[in-house]
Each structure stands twice: as structure tokens, then as C-alpha cells.
Amino acid sequence: MIVPWGDVLARRAPAAEALHAPELTRTVKHQAAEQLAAEKPGAAPVSADALAKAGLIDRAQRHSRISEEFRIIQSKLLREAFGGNGVAAAARGNLIVVTSALPGEGKSFVTMNLAAGIARQGDRRVLLIDADVKPDSLGQIMGLSGAPGLFDLVRSGSHSIDDLIVPTTVEHLDILPPGTGAAESAELFASKRMAELLEELGQRYADRPIIFDSSPCLSSSNPHALAPWVGQIVVVVAAGSTHQGDVEAALDLVQNCPSVSLLLNKIAPWNLHSFGSYAYPLPSSA
């Protein structure tokens, strides 16, 4: 369920005990690998197996409740980002950061499936940027460890963005890995060059959503540094386990973004009154 953060805070719902959700199958069918490889010679697409390990929901579940709920969220983000002519409707509206207050709330799972879900609609390409520096980030899981990416673009003007983007076996979905030099990430995110790069990305790819998987707000200053330069931020909140004070602290750190929403995650499957929520296996980290 995704709602403006102001509406949620107005309700001030108390924290409940942690809820556990049943396991969902996370597999994908191989799709259009040959076509994607032809579109970008020399770049091997991220495999279906790697995407499944990163949490991508099997397309066979496209009529499931979880898939329908993701479509509602996708529609909200796209309406915010794009006008009728297919280009960015508002300044930086196509730059979308997904974060959370704390680790383990499911933000990487959300990022992966929002990006892939929009790409599968077939209307536009989607660029997923791994902007997290944790050891098991999306880029790492997808086998892109050590590949040049976001941090290399910030440090050096000699790289071409197009050369560092990696296609996937989901048609219209591309990945930009975090790149090398993660130890410097705090300084890089706060740099003037990062702001310039974000503006360049938003303008160069104005016809597509650019979705960042960022670090948790209370574990890293990176979401705070990104907030003024992106158009939308989605804060993932684990139902029943994340304390209200942590959510409020996270929201304070990203308030410079013009559009901030909360996405309630890990709703118990028996809690059917809340369409737009979803449940999946509790990860050890996210």
C-alpha cells in the first residue's frame, strides 16, 4: 500500500508485533535474451536465474494478488513522473528512490519488482540503479560485483553512461551497478558531481523511470543526500515491526524531496482488508 507520508503520520497508528508471511516462489522465465544482447553487443544480459535470486516475482504470477498490488503502486509512480506526451511531467519526476528506515524491511525486493513490473508493461524502458553499498546488494546478487557503474560515473567524466548500463533478460529492463570504490560512497553521494549526474540521467533518459535502490535512511546518509535531486522517494515500512519513531526519523531525513510516499510491506496474508499491501518471505537483510 502506498500513500503520501503526511496522511500516514496523521493517523499515528501504534506499532504492532512483528508479522510473518508465507514463502512466495521467486523464479522468472527467461525472456528475450537474444534480442537484448543484439540491442547492446558485448554486454551479456543479467540472467533469469540472477534476477530470481534478486527477488523478481515469476511472471507466471502475473494475475496473483501480489502482482496486482504492485501494478497499483506502479501506476501511482508513473502518474507522478510522466505526462501524456511520455516525457517527464515534473522536474526530476522520473528519478525515483526506494529506501526504508532500517535494514530488513524489503526495499530491494520492492525496487526489483517495481522496476521489472513497469518494464514488463512494454510501454517504456526502465533503468534500475543499485545505489546501495551493502555486501548483498542487488548488483552483487546479479553477478555484477566489480563491474564499473554509478560510483565510477561520479568519480570520472571519462565513462559513458550507456557503456556501463547492463541489459537483463526482462525486456526493457536495464541495470546500472554501483561500481567500484564503495568505501567512498558517502562522499560521492554528497558531491556536486553526483547532483550533476542525477540531472544528466533525468534529462538523457526523460522517457523512462530511473529507480534507485538506496541504503536505509537510518543506516546511511545516502538517501538524505539524494533527496533534493530526485522527484520521488518511496519509504518501505515493514508492517508490525518498524517503530513509528524510526519512520518519522527517516521521513525527516528525506523531506527535501518534493514527493515522499510510504509503502507498507509484509502485511500478513490473512489481513485481506488492505488491498495494495503484499507479503513475502522475511529476508535476513534488505
C-alpha atoms as a PDB file:
ATOM      1  CA  MET A   1       0.000   0.000   0.000  1.00  0.00           C
ATOM      2  CA  ILE A   2       1.487   3.343  -0.993  1.00  0.00           C
ATOM      3  CA  VAL A   3       0.222   6.634   0.401  1.00  0.00           C
ATOM      4  CA  PRO A   4       1.605  10.152   0.946  1.00  0.00           C
ATOM      5  CA  TRP A   5       3.590  10.164   4.169  1.00  0.00           C
ATOM      6  CA  GLY A   6       1.657  13.072   5.608  1.00  0.00           C
ATOM      7  CA  ASP A   7      -1.581  11.092   5.503  1.00  0.00           C
ATOM      8  CA  VAL A   8       0.024   8.165   7.295  1.00  0.00           C
ATOM      9  CA  LEU A   9       1.569  10.254  10.042  1.00  0.00           C
ATOM     10  CA  ALA A  10      -1.766  11.937  10.651  1.00  0.00           C
ATOM     11  CA  ARG A  11      -3.213   8.569  11.633  1.00  0.00           C
ATOM     12  CA  ARG A  12      -0.376   7.831  14.103  1.00  0.00           C
ATOM     13  CA  ALA A  13      -1.081   4.098  14.217  1.00  0.00           C
ATOM     14  CA  PRO A  14       0.791   2.359  17.080  1.00  0.00           C
ATOM     15  CA  ALA A  15       3.434  -0.227  16.282  1.00  0.00           C
ATOM     16  CA  ALA A  16       2.299  -3.853  16.471  1.00  0.00           C
ATOM     17  CA  GLU A  17       4.187  -7.088  16.979  1.00  0.00           C
ATOM     18  CA  ALA A  18       6.130  -8.485  14.014  1.00  0.00           C
ATOM     19  CA  LEU A  19       4.102 -10.434  11.468  1.00  0.00           C
ATOM     20  CA  HIS A  20       5.426 -13.358   9.463  1.00  0.00           C
ATOM     21  CA  ALA A  21       4.399 -14.014   5.885  1.00  0.00           C
ATOM     22  CA  PRO A  22       4.388 -17.281   3.922  1.00  0.00           C
ATOM     23  CA  GLU A  23       7.016 -18.013   1.350  1.00  0.00           C
ATOM     24  CA  LEU A  24       6.469 -16.956  -2.251  1.00  0.00           C
ATOM     25  CA  THR A  25       8.163 -18.585  -5.185  1.00  0.00           C
ATOM     26  CA  ARG A  26      10.714 -16.227  -6.710  1.00  0.00           C
ATOM     27  CA  THR A  27      11.525 -17.537 -10.155  1.00  0.00           C
ATOM     28  CA  VAL A  28      11.373 -15.909 -13.576  1.00  0.00           C
ATOM     29  CA  LYS A  29      11.139 -17.296 -17.069  1.00  0.00           C
ATOM     30  CA  HIS A  30      13.891 -16.482 -19.479  1.00  0.00           C
ATOM     31  CA  GLN A  31      12.657 -13.747 -21.810  1.00  0.00           C
ATOM     32  CA  ALA A  32      14.183 -12.071 -24.885  1.00  0.00           C
ATOM     33  CA  ALA A  33      17.853 -12.641 -24.015  1.00  0.00           C
ATOM     34  CA  GLU A  34      18.892 -12.838 -27.677  1.00  0.00           C
ATOM     35  CA  GLN A  35      17.073  -9.633 -28.549  1.00  0.00           C
ATOM     36  CA  LEU A  36      18.596  -7.728 -25.649  1.00  0.00           C
ATOM     37  CA  ALA A  37      22.075  -8.973 -26.472  1.00  0.00           C
ATOM     38  CA  ALA A  38      21.580  -7.791 -30.043  1.00  0.00           C
ATOM     39  CA  GLU A  39      20.476  -4.364 -28.831  1.00  0.00           C
ATOM     40  CA  LYS A  40      23.699  -3.998 -26.831  1.00  0.00           C
ATOM     41  CA  PRO A  41      26.528  -6.024 -28.396  1.00  0.00           C
ATOM     42  CA  GLY A  42      29.224  -7.095 -25.967  1.00  0.00           C
ATOM     43  CA  ALA A  43      27.072  -6.813 -22.851  1.00  0.00           C
ATOM     44  CA  ALA A  44      25.750 -10.150 -21.599  1.00  0.00           C
ATOM     45  CA  PRO A  45      22.253  -9.678 -20.156  1.00  0.00           C
ATOM     46  CA  VAL A  46      21.717 -10.377 -16.465  1.00  0.00           C
ATOM     47  CA  SER A  47      20.310 -13.908 -16.440  1.00  0.00           C
ATOM     48  CA  ALA A  48      16.862 -15.021 -15.369  1.00  0.00           C
ATOM     49  CA  ASP A  49      18.407 -17.041 -12.540  1.00  0.00           C
ATOM     50  CA  ALA A  50      20.261 -13.980 -11.231  1.00  0.00           C
ATOM     51  CA  LEU A  51      17.099 -11.892 -11.346  1.00  0.00           C
ATOM     52  CA  ALA A  52      15.233 -14.604  -9.460  1.00  0.00           C
ATOM     53  CA  LYS A  53      17.915 -14.590  -6.757  1.00  0.00           C
ATOM     54  CA  ALA A  54      17.462 -10.822  -6.517  1.00  0.00           C
ATOM     55  CA  GLY A  55      13.780 -11.351  -5.687  1.00  0.00           C
ATOM     56  CA  LEU A  56      11.988 -10.990  -9.012  1.00  0.00           C
ATOM     57  CA  ILE A  57       8.483 -12.447  -8.905  1.00  0.00           C
ATOM     58  CA  ASP A  58       7.773 -15.123 -11.510  1.00  0.00           C
ATOM     59  CA  ARG A  59       5.795 -13.724 -14.412  1.00  0.00           C
ATOM     60  CA  ALA A  60       3.547 -16.772 -14.091  1.00  0.00           C
ATOM     61  CA  GLN A  61       2.121 -14.980 -11.033  1.00  0.00           C
ATOM     62  CA  ARG A  62       1.054 -12.000 -13.136  1.00  0.00           C
ATOM     63  CA  HIS A  63      -2.602 -12.480 -12.084  1.00  0.00           C
ATOM     64  CA  SER A  64      -1.800 -13.027  -8.406  1.00  0.00           C
ATOM     65  CA  ARG A  65      -2.751 -10.598  -5.662  1.00  0.00           C
ATOM     66  CA  ILE A  66       0.840  -9.510  -5.147  1.00  0.00           C
ATOM     67  CA  SER A  67       1.282  -8.662  -8.835  1.00  0.00           C
ATOM     68  CA  GLU A  68      -1.962  -6.694  -8.921  1.00  0.00           C
ATOM     69  CA  GLU A  69      -0.877  -4.715  -5.880  1.00  0.00           C
ATOM     70  CA  PHE A  70       2.446  -3.867  -7.471  1.00  0.00           C
ATOM     71  CA  ARG A  71       0.566  -2.602 -10.542  1.00  0.00           C
ATOM     72  CA  ILE A  72      -1.364  -0.154  -8.384  1.00  0.00           C
ATOM     73  CA  ILE A  73       1.884   1.178  -6.941  1.00  0.00           C
ATOM     74  CA  GLN A  74       3.493   1.360 -10.389  1.00  0.00           C
ATOM     75  CA  SER A  75       0.569   3.369 -11.744  1.00  0.00           C
ATOM     76  CA  LYS A  76       0.868   5.882  -8.930  1.00  0.00           C
ATOM     77  CA  LEU A  77       4.586   6.381  -9.551  1.00  0.00           C
ATOM     78  CA  LEU A  78       4.125   6.688 -13.319  1.00  0.00           C
ATOM     79  CA  ARG A  79       1.338   9.251 -12.960  1.00  0.00           C
ATOM     80  CA  GLU A  80       3.644  11.296 -10.757  1.00  0.00           C
ATOM     81  CA  ALA A  81       6.516  11.009 -13.205  1.00  0.00           C
ATOM     82  CA  PHE A  82       5.043  11.309 -16.693  1.00  0.00           C
ATOM     83  CA  GLY A  83       2.614  13.398 -18.669  1.00  0.00           C
ATOM     84  CA  GLY A  84       0.571  12.425 -21.672  1.00  0.00           C
ATOM     85  CA  ASN A  85       3.425  13.013 -24.104  1.00  0.00           C
ATOM     86  CA  GLY A  86       5.597  10.304 -22.494  1.00  0.00           C
ATOM     87  CA  VAL A  87       8.299  12.577 -21.085  1.00  0.00           C
ATOM     88  CA  ALA A  88       8.937  13.669 -17.526  1.00  0.00           C
ATOM     89  CA  ALA A  89       5.913  15.625 -16.312  1.00  0.00           C
ATOM     90  CA  ALA A  90       7.690  17.392 -13.471  1.00  0.00           C
ATOM     91  CA  ALA A  91      11.281  18.274 -12.770  1.00  0.00           C
ATOM     92  CA  ARG A  92      13.134  15.060 -11.893  1.00  0.00           C
ATOM     93  CA  GLY A  93       9.819  13.215 -11.579  1.00  0.00           C
ATOM     94  CA  ASN A  94      11.251  10.185 -13.357  1.00  0.00           C
ATOM     95  CA  LEU A  95      14.024   9.857 -10.730  1.00  0.00           C
ATOM     96  CA  ILE A  96      12.602   7.580  -8.030  1.00  0.00           C
ATOM     97  CA  VAL A  97      14.463   6.461  -4.892  1.00  0.00           C
ATOM     98  CA  VAL A  98      13.307   3.430  -2.887  1.00  0.00           C
ATOM     99  CA  THR A  99      14.583   3.318   0.681  1.00  0.00           C
ATOM    100  CA  SER A 100      13.475   2.324   4.193  1.00  0.00           C
ATOM    101  CA  ALA A 101      14.105   3.393   7.759  1.00  0.00           C
ATOM    102  CA  LEU A 102      16.022   0.248   8.733  1.00  0.00           C
ATOM    103  CA  PRO A 103      17.606  -2.802   7.077  1.00  0.00           C
ATOM    104  CA  GLY A 104      15.373  -5.822   6.562  1.00  0.00           C
ATOM    105  CA  GLU A 105      12.174  -4.006   5.550  1.00  0.00           C
ATOM    106  CA  GLY A 106      12.176  -5.277   1.964  1.00  0.00           C
ATOM    107  CA  LYS A 107      13.207  -2.227  -0.055  1.00  0.00           C
ATOM    108  CA  SER A 108      15.406  -4.180  -2.500  1.00  0.00           C
ATOM    109  CA  PHE A 109      12.578  -6.633  -3.185  1.00  0.00           C
ATOM    110  CA  VAL A 110      10.250  -3.694  -3.790  1.00  0.00           C
ATOM    111  CA  THR A 111      12.749  -1.935  -6.061  1.00  0.00           C
ATOM    112  CA  MET A 112      13.342  -5.056  -8.138  1.00  0.00           C
ATOM    113  CA  ASN A 113       9.664  -5.760  -8.706  1.00  0.00           C
ATOM    114  CA  LEU A 114       8.591  -2.163  -9.288  1.00  0.00           C
ATOM    115  CA  ALA A 115      11.248  -1.772 -11.972  1.00  0.00           C
ATOM    116  CA  ALA A 116      10.560  -5.126 -13.618  1.00  0.00           C
ATOM    117  CA  GLY A 117       6.793  -4.663 -13.422  1.00  0.00           C
ATOM    118  CA  ILE A 118       6.926  -1.340 -15.263  1.00  0.00           C
ATOM    119  CA  ALA A 119       9.317  -2.812 -17.847  1.00  0.00           C
ATOM    120  CA  ARG A 120       7.002  -5.784 -18.459  1.00  0.00           C
ATOM    121  CA  GLN A 121       4.174  -3.411 -19.363  1.00  0.00           C
ATOM    122  CA  GLY A 122       6.175  -2.743 -22.531  1.00  0.00           C
ATOM    123  CA  ASP A 123       5.416   0.982 -22.757  1.00  0.00           C
ATOM    124  CA  ARG A 124       8.862   2.250 -21.798  1.00  0.00           C
ATOM    125  CA  ARG A 125      12.339   1.149 -20.788  1.00  0.00           C
ATOM    126  CA  VAL A 126      13.282   1.208 -17.106  1.00  0.00           C
ATOM    127  CA  LEU A 127      16.710   1.823 -15.606  1.00  0.00           C
ATOM    128  CA  LEU A 128      17.288   0.255 -12.177  1.00  0.00           C
ATOM    129  CA  ILE A 129      20.289   1.750 -10.367  1.00  0.00           C
ATOM    130  CA  ASP A 130      21.869  -0.108  -7.464  1.00  0.00           C
ATOM    131  CA  ALA A 131      22.784   2.739  -5.110  1.00  0.00           C
ATOM    132  CA  ASP A 132      23.222   0.567  -2.032  1.00  0.00           C
ATOM    133  CA  VAL A 133      26.652  -0.322  -0.655  1.00  0.00           C
ATOM    134  CA  LYS A 134      25.761  -3.408   1.366  1.00  0.00           C
ATOM    135  CA  PRO A 135      27.642  -6.670   0.592  1.00  0.00           C
ATOM    136  CA  ASP A 136      24.500  -8.399  -0.731  1.00  0.00           C
ATOM    137  CA  SER A 137      23.163  -5.536  -2.838  1.00  0.00           C
ATOM    138  CA  LEU A 138      21.132  -6.181  -5.983  1.00  0.00           C
ATOM    139  CA  GLY A 139      24.215  -5.697  -8.164  1.00  0.00           C
ATOM    140  CA  GLN A 140      26.174  -8.209  -6.131  1.00  0.00           C
ATOM    141  CA  ILE A 141      23.377 -10.776  -6.272  1.00  0.00           C
ATOM    142  CA  MET A 142      23.111 -10.320 -10.029  1.00  0.00           C
ATOM    143  CA  GLY A 143      26.786 -11.088 -10.502  1.00  0.00           C
ATOM    144  CA  LEU A 144      27.857  -7.506 -11.268  1.00  0.00           C
ATOM    145  CA  SER A 145      30.377  -7.234  -8.437  1.00  0.00           C
ATOM    146  CA  GLY A 146      33.421  -5.299  -9.639  1.00  0.00           C
ATOM    147  CA  ALA A 147      31.700  -4.008 -12.774  1.00  0.00           C
ATOM    148  CA  PRO A 148      32.010  -0.246 -13.304  1.00  0.00           C
ATOM    149  CA  GLY A 149      28.866   1.691 -12.538  1.00  0.00           C
ATOM    150  CA  LEU A 150      27.379   4.620 -10.631  1.00  0.00           C
ATOM    151  CA  PHE A 151      30.380   5.466  -8.457  1.00  0.00           C
ATOM    152  CA  ASP A 152      32.720   5.356 -11.449  1.00  0.00           C
ATOM    153  CA  LEU A 153      30.487   7.805 -13.313  1.00  0.00           C
ATOM    154  CA  VAL A 154      30.607  10.204 -10.364  1.00  0.00           C
ATOM    155  CA  ARG A 155      34.384   9.997  -9.967  1.00  0.00           C
ATOM    156  CA  SER A 156      35.343  10.236 -13.619  1.00  0.00           C
ATOM    157  CA  GLY A 157      33.961  12.036 -16.620  1.00  0.00           C
ATOM    158  CA  SER A 158      35.690   9.604 -18.959  1.00  0.00           C
ATOM    159  CA  HIS A 159      32.963   6.940 -18.724  1.00  0.00           C
ATOM    160  CA  SER A 160      29.911   6.867 -20.954  1.00  0.00           C
ATOM    161  CA  ILE A 161      26.666   6.120 -19.121  1.00  0.00           C
ATOM    162  CA  ASP A 162      25.411   3.966 -21.984  1.00  0.00           C
ATOM    163  CA  ASP A 163      28.552   1.812 -21.862  1.00  0.00           C
ATOM    164  CA  LEU A 164      28.033   0.945 -18.171  1.00  0.00           C
ATOM    165  CA  ILE A 165      24.334   0.061 -18.339  1.00  0.00           C
ATOM    166  CA  VAL A 166      23.737  -3.712 -18.386  1.00  0.00           C
ATOM    167  CA  PRO A 167      20.636  -5.237 -20.044  1.00  0.00           C
ATOM    168  CA  THR A 168      18.637  -8.040 -18.456  1.00  0.00           C
ATOM    169  CA  THR A 169      16.569 -10.926 -19.741  1.00  0.00           C
ATOM    170  CA  VAL A 170      13.454  -8.939 -18.811  1.00  0.00           C
ATOM    171  CA  GLU A 171      12.756  -6.956 -21.944  1.00  0.00           C
ATOM    172  CA  HIS A 172      13.045  -3.171 -21.441  1.00  0.00           C
ATOM    173  CA  LEU A 173      14.769  -3.542 -18.030  1.00  0.00           C
ATOM    174  CA  ASP A 174      18.374  -2.369 -17.652  1.00  0.00           C
ATOM    175  CA  ILE A 175      20.675  -2.249 -14.620  1.00  0.00           C
ATOM    176  CA  LEU A 176      23.391   0.209 -13.596  1.00  0.00           C
ATOM    177  CA  PRO A 177      25.553  -1.465 -10.919  1.00  0.00           C
ATOM    178  CA  PRO A 178      27.006   0.518  -8.024  1.00  0.00           C
ATOM    179  CA  GLY A 179      30.507   0.283  -9.443  1.00  0.00           C
ATOM    180  CA  THR A 180      33.856   0.341  -7.710  1.00  0.00           C
ATOM    181  CA  GLY A 181      35.033   2.315  -4.687  1.00  0.00           C
ATOM    182  CA  ALA A 182      32.046   1.781  -2.391  1.00  0.00           C
ATOM    183  CA  ALA A 183      34.166   2.894   0.573  1.00  0.00           C
ATOM    184  CA  GLU A 184      33.931   6.461  -0.749  1.00  0.00           C
ATOM    185  CA  SER A 185      30.180   6.316  -1.285  1.00  0.00           C
ATOM    186  CA  ALA A 186      29.193   8.807   1.444  1.00  0.00           C
ATOM    187  CA  GLU A 187      31.439  11.485  -0.032  1.00  0.00           C
ATOM    188  CA  LEU A 188      30.390  10.656  -3.591  1.00  0.00           C
ATOM    189  CA  PHE A 189      26.672  10.900  -2.839  1.00  0.00           C
ATOM    190  CA  ALA A 190      27.166  14.298  -1.204  1.00  0.00           C
ATOM    191  CA  SER A 191      29.317  15.643  -4.054  1.00  0.00           C
ATOM    192  CA  LYS A 192      28.382  18.253  -6.635  1.00  0.00           C
ATOM    193  CA  ARG A 193      29.225  15.761  -9.350  1.00  0.00           C
ATOM    194  CA  MET A 194      26.503  13.384  -8.077  1.00  0.00           C
ATOM    195  CA  ALA A 195      23.915  16.156  -8.341  1.00  0.00           C
ATOM    196  CA  GLU A 196      25.098  16.887 -11.874  1.00  0.00           C
ATOM    197  CA  LEU A 197      24.958  13.218 -12.811  1.00  0.00           C
ATOM    198  CA  LEU A 198      21.405  12.857 -11.494  1.00  0.00           C
ATOM    199  CA  GLU A 199      20.329  15.843 -13.558  1.00  0.00           C
ATOM    200  CA  GLU A 200      22.049  14.365 -16.603  1.00  0.00           C
ATOM    201  CA  LEU A 201      20.376  10.976 -16.079  1.00  0.00           C
ATOM    202  CA  GLY A 202      16.948  12.552 -15.677  1.00  0.00           C
ATOM    203  CA  GLN A 203      17.299  14.566 -18.861  1.00  0.00           C
ATOM    204  CA  ARG A 204      19.034  11.976 -21.043  1.00  0.00           C
ATOM    205  CA  TYR A 205      16.502   9.280 -20.161  1.00  0.00           C
ATOM    206  CA  ALA A 206      13.485  11.541 -19.732  1.00  0.00           C
ATOM    207  CA  ASP A 207      11.253   8.932 -21.377  1.00  0.00           C
ATOM    208  CA  ARG A 208      11.859   6.239 -18.745  1.00  0.00           C
ATOM    209  CA  PRO A 209      11.642   5.740 -14.979  1.00  0.00           C
ATOM    210  CA  ILE A 210      15.008   5.606 -13.235  1.00  0.00           C
ATOM    211  CA  ILE A 211      14.586   3.697  -9.984  1.00  0.00           C
ATOM    212  CA  PHE A 212      17.306   3.703  -7.312  1.00  0.00           C
ATOM    213  CA  ASP A 213      17.687   1.028  -4.662  1.00  0.00           C
ATOM    214  CA  SER A 214      19.195   3.143  -1.892  1.00  0.00           C
ATOM    215  CA  SER A 215      20.535   2.376   1.570  1.00  0.00           C
ATOM    216  CA  PRO A 216      18.204   2.609   4.603  1.00  0.00           C
ATOM    217  CA  CYS A 217      17.815   6.148   5.920  1.00  0.00           C
ATOM    218  CA  LEU A 218      18.919   5.346   9.476  1.00  0.00           C
ATOM    219  CA  SER A 219      21.942   3.331   8.333  1.00  0.00           C
ATOM    220  CA  SER A 220      23.429   5.725   5.795  1.00  0.00           C
ATOM    221  CA  SER A 221      23.384   9.409   4.822  1.00  0.00           C
ATOM    222  CA  ASN A 222      22.961   8.477   1.146  1.00  0.00           C
ATOM    223  CA  PRO A 223      19.140   8.834   0.939  1.00  0.00           C
ATOM    224  CA  HIS A 224      19.408  12.232   2.619  1.00  0.00           C
ATOM    225  CA  ALA A 225      21.993  13.297   0.025  1.00  0.00           C
ATOM    226  CA  LEU A 226      19.817  12.093  -2.873  1.00  0.00           C
ATOM    227  CA  ALA A 227      16.550  13.630  -1.642  1.00  0.00           C
ATOM    228  CA  PRO A 228      16.959  17.181  -3.053  1.00  0.00           C
ATOM    229  CA  TRP A 229      17.929  15.899  -6.511  1.00  0.00           C
ATOM    230  CA  VAL A 230      15.210  13.323  -7.211  1.00  0.00           C
ATOM    231  CA  GLY A 231      11.489  13.719  -7.855  1.00  0.00           C
ATOM    232  CA  GLN A 232      10.042  10.866  -5.800  1.00  0.00           C
ATOM    233  CA  ILE A 233      11.026   8.815  -2.758  1.00  0.00           C
ATOM    234  CA  VAL A 234       9.268   5.653  -1.613  1.00  0.00           C
ATOM    235  CA  VAL A 235       9.965   4.676   2.005  1.00  0.00           C
ATOM    236  CA  VAL A 236       9.264   0.967   2.591  1.00  0.00           C
ATOM    237  CA  VAL A 237       7.906   0.206   6.059  1.00  0.00           C
ATOM    238  CA  ALA A 238       7.691  -3.327   7.495  1.00  0.00           C
ATOM    239  CA  ALA A 239       4.210  -3.785   8.975  1.00  0.00           C
ATOM    240  CA  GLY A 240       4.142  -4.586  12.646  1.00  0.00           C
ATOM    241  CA  SER A 241       7.877  -4.348  13.259  1.00  0.00           C
ATOM    242  CA  THR A 242       9.131  -0.861  12.365  1.00  0.00           C
ATOM    243  CA  HIS A 243       8.535   1.642  15.146  1.00  0.00           C
ATOM    244  CA  GLN A 244       6.743   4.872  14.408  1.00  0.00           C
ATOM    245  CA  GLY A 245       9.680   6.912  15.713  1.00  0.00           C
ATOM    246  CA  ASP A 246      12.028   5.256  13.210  1.00  0.00           C
ATOM    247  CA  VAL A 247       9.634   6.005  10.354  1.00  0.00           C
ATOM    248  CA  GLU A 248       9.335   9.646  11.399  1.00  0.00           C
ATOM    249  CA  ALA A 249      13.114   9.977  11.709  1.00  0.00           C
ATOM    250  CA  ALA A 250      13.549   8.533   8.219  1.00  0.00           C
ATOM    251  CA  LEU A 251      10.963  10.898   6.777  1.00  0.00           C
ATOM    252  CA  ASP A 252      12.697  13.881   8.358  1.00  0.00           C
ATOM    253  CA  LEU A 253      15.890  12.914   6.531  1.00  0.00           C
ATOM    254  CA  VAL A 254      14.263  12.855   3.072  1.00  0.00           C
ATOM    255  CA  GLN A 255      11.832  15.757   3.436  1.00  0.00           C
ATOM    256  CA  ASN A 256      13.742  17.789   0.823  1.00  0.00           C
ATOM    257  CA  CYS A 257      12.272  15.567  -1.883  1.00  0.00           C
ATOM    258  CA  PRO A 258       9.065  17.078  -3.376  1.00  0.00           C
ATOM    259  CA  SER A 259       7.122  13.784  -3.260  1.00  0.00           C
ATOM    260  CA  VAL A 260       7.580  11.234  -0.457  1.00  0.00           C
ATOM    261  CA  SER A 261       5.338   8.182  -0.015  1.00  0.00           C
ATOM    262  CA  LEU A 262       5.209   5.277   2.393  1.00  0.00           C
ATOM    263  CA  LEU A 263       4.812   1.696   1.181  1.00  0.00           C
ATOM    264  CA  LEU A 264       3.554  -0.721   3.825  1.00  0.00           C
ATOM    265  CA  ASN A 265       5.263  -4.078   3.403  1.00  0.00           C
ATOM    266  CA  LYS A 266       4.984  -7.561   4.971  1.00  0.00           C
ATOM    267  CA  ILE A 267       1.256  -7.408   5.665  1.00  0.00           C
ATOM    268  CA  ALA A 268       0.041 -10.813   6.875  1.00  0.00           C
ATOM    269  CA  PRO A 269      -1.783 -12.750   4.105  1.00  0.00           C
ATOM    270  CA  TRP A 270      -4.922 -13.089   6.236  1.00  0.00           C
ATOM    271  CA  ASN A 271      -5.160  -9.301   6.526  1.00  0.00           C
ATOM    272  CA  LEU A 272      -7.296  -9.018   3.388  1.00  0.00           C
ATOM    273  CA  HIS A 273      -8.881  -5.658   4.116  1.00  0.00           C
ATOM    274  CA  SER A 274      -5.807  -3.837   2.830  1.00  0.00           C
ATOM    275  CA  PHE A 275      -5.617  -4.209  -0.941  1.00  0.00           C
ATOM    276  CA  GLY A 276      -2.333  -2.754  -2.108  1.00  0.00           C
ATOM    277  CA  SER A 277      -0.345  -4.492   0.611  1.00  0.00           C
ATOM    278  CA  TYR A 278       1.704  -7.595  -0.008  1.00  0.00           C
ATOM    279  CA  ALA A 279       3.598 -10.283   1.830  1.00  0.00           C
ATOM    280  CA  TYR A 280       6.741 -12.252   1.065  1.00  0.00           C
ATOM    281  CA  PRO A 281       9.460 -14.173   2.935  1.00  0.00           C
ATOM    282  CA  LEU A 282      11.162 -12.169   5.652  1.00  0.00           C
ATOM    283  CA  PRO A 283      14.755 -11.619   4.461  1.00  0.00           C
ATOM    284  CA  SER A 284      17.763 -11.520   6.744  1.00  0.00           C
ATOM    285  CA  SER A 285      18.625  -8.146   5.214  1.00  0.00           C
ATOM    286  CA  ALA A 286      17.299  -5.851   2.539  1.00  0.00           C
END
